[in-house]
């Protein structure tokens, strides 16, 4: 082992026991998932001849040929964020697909130098958290865009920012198709071109990264700061339990409490004794 640059291995600002030392064996999955990678695809235009939709369809064909299970969300009818309840059918459909997926493809036109509002609306409806679960954290993401003029990367750059915000593993490669109106046949199939070749590259890369990381997402995205926060919340619950006469119990509700010590174990569900909680 090489000589340490800093022999003093003390960390006054570090909470003991919460630093996770990565090891190669933790990146090995004993029983990898055997089902086809599940990919959700979103596009950002509602035009009758939408080139972002056509590009999404072309990419979906490639993914299916590689063995992926693909779902494409139709944004038509999706309300504006916060303009409808979470129980709205299109919102519920989108969120269920996001939870189902192991990877995503986001494809937006560039409009006024940015992604479209339709694209952003879909992403805004995917919650950052649902209970204690982050629907997108650790999942793979590929980004693509189409332009009506010369090649640009404004939309894909913005999508990358959103992917980072959603804690997704955005792959290095991306696709930007310039003058998209000239890149598709009347039947909607993409013509042979360097743009098409790049789409193939991106889908191959997404498929590989999804296979590589889908069983490791929670470990790869585990953060010291969140482990520290969780430990503090747990300590608070335990201390509160001791102060109020409640005891933590395995299988207890999210608050970590159990019925009052000494409470009759035969109390019916829903009774004051059976449901009393520190919270």
Protein backbone atom coordinates (compact mmCIF):
# COMPACT_ATOMS: atom_id res chain seq x y z
CA UNK A 1 0.00 0.00 0.00
CA UNK A 2 1.33 3.44 -0.89
CA UNK A 3 2.22 5.93 1.80
CA UNK A 4 -0.74 8.02 2.96
CA UNK A 5 -0.72 11.71 2.15
CA UNK A 6 -2.57 12.39 5.41
CA UNK A 7 -1.45 10.03 8.20
CA UNK A 8 -3.96 11.59 10.61
CA UNK A 9 -7.10 9.66 9.63
CA UNK A 10 -9.42 11.44 12.04
CA UNK A 11 -12.49 13.32 10.85
CA UNK A 12 -13.88 15.70 13.49
CA UNK A 13 -16.78 16.72 11.24
CA UNK A 14 -17.78 13.15 10.35
CA UNK A 15 -20.54 11.28 12.15
CA UNK A 16 -19.10 7.98 13.37
CA UNK A 17 -20.33 4.85 11.65
CA UNK A 18 -22.02 6.57 8.70
CA UNK A 19 -19.14 6.71 6.24
CA UNK A 20 -19.76 3.91 3.76
CA UNK A 21 -16.46 2.53 2.47
CA UNK A 22 -17.11 1.26 -1.09
CA UNK A 23 -15.76 -2.19 -1.93
CA UNK A 24 -15.80 -4.09 -5.25
CA UNK A 25 -17.85 -6.95 -3.80
CA UNK A 26 -20.77 -4.59 -3.14
CA UNK A 27 -20.95 -3.90 -6.86
CA UNK A 28 -21.54 -7.57 -7.57
CA UNK A 29 -25.12 -8.83 -7.56
CA UNK A 30 -25.38 -12.51 -6.54
CA UNK A 31 -28.62 -13.01 -8.48
CA UNK A 32 -29.01 -10.35 -11.18
CA UNK A 33 -32.50 -9.60 -12.46
CA UNK A 34 -33.36 -11.82 -15.41
CA UNK A 35 -36.38 -9.98 -16.81
CA UNK A 36 -36.06 -7.65 -19.83
CA UNK A 37 -35.00 -4.09 -18.95
CA UNK A 38 -38.09 -1.92 -18.51
CA UNK A 39 -37.82 1.39 -20.37
CA UNK A 40 -40.30 4.29 -20.25
CA UNK A 41 -40.17 6.77 -23.12
CA UNK A 42 -41.48 10.36 -23.03
CA UNK A 43 -41.74 12.77 -25.96
CA UNK A 44 -42.56 16.47 -25.98
CA UNK A 45 -44.91 17.36 -28.82
CA UNK A 46 -48.58 16.86 -29.67
CA UNK A 47 -48.37 17.75 -33.35
CA UNK A 48 -49.99 15.32 -35.78
CA UNK A 49 -46.57 14.73 -37.35
CA UNK A 50 -44.44 15.09 -34.24
CA UNK A 51 -40.77 14.47 -34.96
CA UNK A 52 -39.97 13.93 -31.29
CA UNK A 53 -42.63 11.20 -31.31
CA UNK A 54 -41.26 9.68 -34.52
CA UNK A 55 -37.73 9.70 -33.08
CA UNK A 56 -39.06 8.11 -29.89
CA UNK A 57 -40.79 5.39 -31.92
CA UNK A 58 -37.57 4.71 -33.85
CA UNK A 59 -35.61 4.44 -30.60
CA UNK A 60 -38.29 2.18 -29.12
CA UNK A 61 -37.99 -0.21 -32.06
CA UNK A 62 -34.25 -0.44 -31.43
CA UNK A 63 -34.72 -1.10 -27.72
CA UNK A 64 -37.26 -3.82 -28.39
CA UNK A 65 -34.88 -5.42 -30.90
CA UNK A 66 -32.26 -5.52 -28.13
CA UNK A 67 -34.71 -7.23 -25.78
CA UNK A 68 -36.14 -4.38 -23.70
CA UNK A 69 -39.75 -4.07 -22.58
CA UNK A 70 -40.85 -0.62 -23.70
CA UNK A 71 -43.72 1.66 -22.73
CA UNK A 72 -44.39 5.02 -24.43
CA UNK A 73 -46.46 7.62 -22.58
CA UNK A 74 -48.86 9.71 -24.67
CA UNK A 75 -48.90 13.20 -23.09
CA UNK A 76 -52.19 14.18 -24.75
CA UNK A 77 -54.68 15.03 -22.02
CA UNK A 78 -52.10 15.42 -19.25
CA UNK A 79 -53.08 18.50 -17.22
CA UNK A 80 -50.73 21.29 -16.24
CA UNK A 81 -48.83 20.65 -13.00
CA UNK A 82 -50.98 21.40 -9.92
CA UNK A 83 -54.03 22.05 -12.13
CA UNK A 84 -55.55 18.66 -11.34
CA UNK A 85 -55.49 16.18 -8.46
CA UNK A 86 -52.92 13.38 -8.32
CA UNK A 87 -55.79 10.96 -8.97
CA UNK A 88 -56.25 12.33 -12.51
CA UNK A 89 -56.10 9.29 -14.87
CA UNK A 90 -53.22 10.64 -16.99
CA UNK A 91 -51.22 11.63 -13.90
CA UNK A 92 -51.80 8.23 -12.34
CA UNK A 93 -50.80 6.49 -15.58
CA UNK A 94 -47.57 8.48 -15.83
CA UNK A 95 -46.60 7.87 -12.22
CA UNK A 96 -47.32 4.16 -12.43
CA UNK A 97 -45.13 3.92 -15.52
CA UNK A 98 -42.35 5.86 -13.81
CA UNK A 99 -42.46 3.45 -10.86
CA UNK A 100 -42.51 0.45 -13.23
CA UNK A 101 -39.52 1.56 -15.27
CA UNK A 102 -35.84 0.83 -14.73
CA UNK A 103 -34.70 3.37 -17.30
CA UNK A 104 -36.15 6.22 -19.33
CA UNK A 105 -35.73 8.06 -22.61
CA UNK A 106 -36.72 11.74 -22.77
CA UNK A 107 -37.06 13.27 -26.24
CA UNK A 108 -38.07 16.91 -26.73
CA UNK A 109 -38.25 19.32 -29.62
CA UNK A 110 -36.28 22.51 -29.12
CA UNK A 111 -38.72 25.41 -29.08
CA UNK A 112 -37.57 28.98 -28.47
CA UNK A 113 -34.18 27.61 -27.50
CA UNK A 114 -35.51 25.26 -24.83
CA UNK A 115 -37.41 22.05 -24.22
CA UNK A 116 -41.15 22.28 -24.72
CA UNK A 117 -43.67 22.93 -21.97
CA UNK A 118 -45.23 19.55 -22.79
CA UNK A 119 -41.93 17.83 -21.98
CA UNK A 120 -41.44 19.75 -18.75
CA UNK A 121 -45.03 19.11 -17.67
CA UNK A 122 -44.50 15.36 -17.84
CA UNK A 123 -41.35 15.55 -15.75
CA UNK A 124 -42.99 17.91 -13.25
CA UNK A 125 -45.78 15.40 -12.67
CA UNK A 126 -43.29 12.72 -11.67
CA UNK A 127 -42.87 13.30 -7.93
CA UNK A 128 -39.45 13.69 -6.32
CA UNK A 129 -40.70 11.33 -3.65
CA UNK A 130 -43.69 9.09 -3.10
CA UNK A 131 -43.81 8.21 0.57
CA UNK A 132 -40.22 7.26 1.29
CA UNK A 133 -39.52 6.14 -2.29
CA UNK A 134 -37.98 8.31 -5.01
CA UNK A 135 -39.57 7.04 -8.24
CA UNK A 136 -36.60 7.98 -10.45
CA UNK A 137 -33.56 7.69 -8.17
CA UNK A 138 -30.90 5.35 -9.53
CA UNK A 139 -32.71 4.70 -12.81
CA UNK A 140 -30.95 5.22 -16.11
CA UNK A 141 -31.80 8.04 -18.51
CA UNK A 142 -31.04 8.84 -22.16
CA UNK A 143 -31.85 12.28 -23.58
CA UNK A 144 -32.64 13.24 -27.18
CA UNK A 145 -33.92 16.27 -29.05
CA UNK A 146 -35.10 17.29 -32.49
CA UNK A 147 -34.63 20.70 -34.08
CA UNK A 148 -36.28 22.42 -37.01
CA UNK A 149 -33.05 24.17 -37.96
CA UNK A 150 -29.36 23.66 -37.38
CA UNK A 151 -28.11 21.28 -34.73
CA UNK A 152 -28.44 22.48 -31.16
CA UNK A 153 -28.02 20.99 -27.71
CA UNK A 154 -30.12 23.36 -25.60
CA UNK A 155 -32.94 20.89 -24.93
CA UNK A 156 -30.72 17.91 -24.14
CA UNK A 157 -28.62 20.05 -21.82
CA UNK A 158 -31.76 21.09 -19.93
CA UNK A 159 -32.95 17.49 -19.80
CA UNK A 160 -29.61 16.51 -18.28
CA UNK A 161 -30.09 19.08 -15.53
CA UNK A 162 -33.54 17.64 -14.79
CA UNK A 163 -32.17 14.10 -14.82
CA UNK A 164 -29.56 15.07 -12.23
CA UNK A 165 -32.26 16.76 -10.15
CA UNK A 166 -34.34 13.57 -10.32
CA UNK A 167 -31.20 11.62 -9.26
CA UNK A 168 -31.10 9.56 -12.40
CA UNK A 169 -28.02 7.96 -13.95
CA UNK A 170 -27.91 9.89 -17.21
CA UNK A 171 -25.75 8.10 -19.77
CA UNK A 172 -22.87 10.02 -21.42
CA UNK A 173 -24.16 9.75 -25.00
CA UNK A 174 -27.08 11.73 -26.42
CA UNK A 175 -28.88 12.43 -29.68
CA UNK A 176 -29.68 15.76 -31.35
CA UNK A 177 -31.33 15.57 -34.77
CA UNK A 178 -31.13 18.76 -36.83
CA UNK A 179 -33.68 19.64 -39.54
CA UNK A 180 -35.76 16.73 -38.37
CA UNK A 181 -38.34 17.31 -41.12
CA UNK A 182 -35.79 16.00 -43.62
CA UNK A 183 -34.77 12.91 -41.61
CA UNK A 184 -37.99 10.86 -41.78
CA UNK A 185 -39.84 9.18 -44.61
CA UNK A 186 -43.50 9.87 -45.33
CA UNK A 187 -44.25 6.64 -43.44
CA UNK A 188 -42.49 8.01 -40.34
CA UNK A 189 -39.34 5.88 -40.44
CA UNK A 190 -35.95 7.49 -39.90
CA UNK A 191 -33.69 7.61 -42.93
CA UNK A 192 -30.12 6.26 -42.91
CA UNK A 193 -27.78 9.01 -41.71
CA UNK A 194 -25.16 9.83 -39.08
CA UNK A 195 -28.10 11.05 -36.97
CA UNK A 196 -29.67 7.61 -37.12
CA UNK A 197 -26.35 5.98 -36.28
CA UNK A 198 -26.12 8.15 -33.17
CA UNK A 199 -29.60 7.08 -32.07
CA UNK A 200 -28.47 3.45 -32.32
CA UNK A 201 -25.38 4.31 -30.24
CA UNK A 202 -27.50 5.98 -27.56
CA UNK A 203 -29.97 3.12 -27.27
CA UNK A 204 -27.18 0.54 -27.08
CA UNK A 205 -25.53 2.54 -24.32
CA UNK A 206 -28.78 2.98 -22.41
CA UNK A 207 -29.51 -0.75 -22.61
CA UNK A 208 -26.03 -1.65 -21.32
CA UNK A 209 -26.09 0.88 -18.48
CA UNK A 210 -29.54 -0.29 -17.43
CA UNK A 211 -28.39 -3.92 -17.27
CA UNK A 212 -25.29 -2.83 -15.35
CA UNK A 213 -26.97 -0.63 -12.74
CA UNK A 214 -30.63 -1.61 -12.31
CA UNK A 215 -29.92 -3.92 -9.35
CA UNK A 216 -27.46 -1.44 -7.82
CA UNK A 217 -29.43 1.81 -8.01
CA UNK A 218 -30.10 2.16 -4.26
CA UNK A 219 -26.43 1.49 -3.43
CA UNK A 220 -25.02 3.76 -6.14
CA UNK A 221 -27.21 6.67 -5.09
CA UNK A 222 -26.89 6.20 -1.30
CA UNK A 223 -25.65 9.45 0.28
CA UNK A 224 -23.79 10.13 3.49
CA UNK A 225 -25.86 13.26 4.16
CA UNK A 226 -29.12 11.32 3.93
CA UNK A 227 -27.83 8.48 6.09
CA UNK A 228 -26.87 11.10 8.65
CA UNK A 229 -30.30 12.72 8.48
CA UNK A 230 -32.03 9.32 8.77
CA UNK A 231 -29.89 8.42 11.80
CA UNK A 232 -30.83 11.70 13.46
CA UNK A 233 -34.53 11.11 12.82
CA UNK A 234 -34.26 7.57 14.18
CA UNK A 235 -32.50 8.82 17.32
CA UNK A 236 -35.21 11.41 17.78
CA UNK A 237 -37.93 8.76 17.51
CA UNK A 238 -36.14 6.47 19.95
CA UNK A 239 -35.67 9.27 22.47
CA UNK A 240 -39.29 10.29 22.09
CA UNK A 241 -40.34 6.67 22.61
CA UNK A 242 -38.45 6.50 25.90
CA UNK A 243 -39.90 9.80 27.09
CA UNK A 244 -43.51 8.84 26.37
CA UNK A 245 -43.48 5.22 27.49
CA UNK A 246 -43.57 3.77 23.98
CA UNK A 247 -41.12 1.20 22.74
CA UNK A 248 -39.92 0.74 19.16
CA UNK A 249 -40.97 -2.59 17.75
CA UNK A 250 -40.22 -4.61 14.67
CA UNK A 251 -42.95 -4.15 12.14
CA UNK A 252 -44.19 -1.02 13.90
CA UNK A 253 -45.66 1.83 11.84
CA UNK A 254 -43.49 4.43 10.14
CA UNK A 255 -43.18 6.43 13.36
CA UNK A 256 -41.25 3.54 14.90
CA UNK A 257 -43.57 3.23 17.90
CA UNK A 258 -45.47 0.35 19.44
CA UNK A 259 -48.52 0.23 21.71
CA UNK A 260 -48.01 1.46 25.28
CA UNK A 261 -46.01 -0.85 27.52
CA UNK A 262 -48.39 -3.03 29.45
CA UNK A 263 -51.27 -2.51 27.06
CA UNK A 264 -53.46 -5.55 26.69
CA UNK A 265 -52.37 -7.55 23.69
CA UNK A 266 -55.97 -8.54 23.07
CA UNK A 267 -57.10 -4.97 22.38
CA UNK A 268 -59.06 -4.91 19.15
CA UNK A 269 -57.55 -3.15 16.13
CA UNK A 270 -58.37 0.55 16.14
CA UNK A 271 -58.86 0.75 19.89
CA UNK A 272 -57.12 3.48 21.89
CA UNK A 273 -54.67 1.02 23.40
CA UNK A 274 -53.88 -0.82 20.21
CA UNK A 275 -53.30 2.30 18.11
CA UNK A 276 -51.59 4.60 20.63
CA UNK A 277 -48.42 5.99 19.11
CA UNK A 278 -45.61 8.32 20.13
CA UNK A 279 -46.38 10.62 17.21
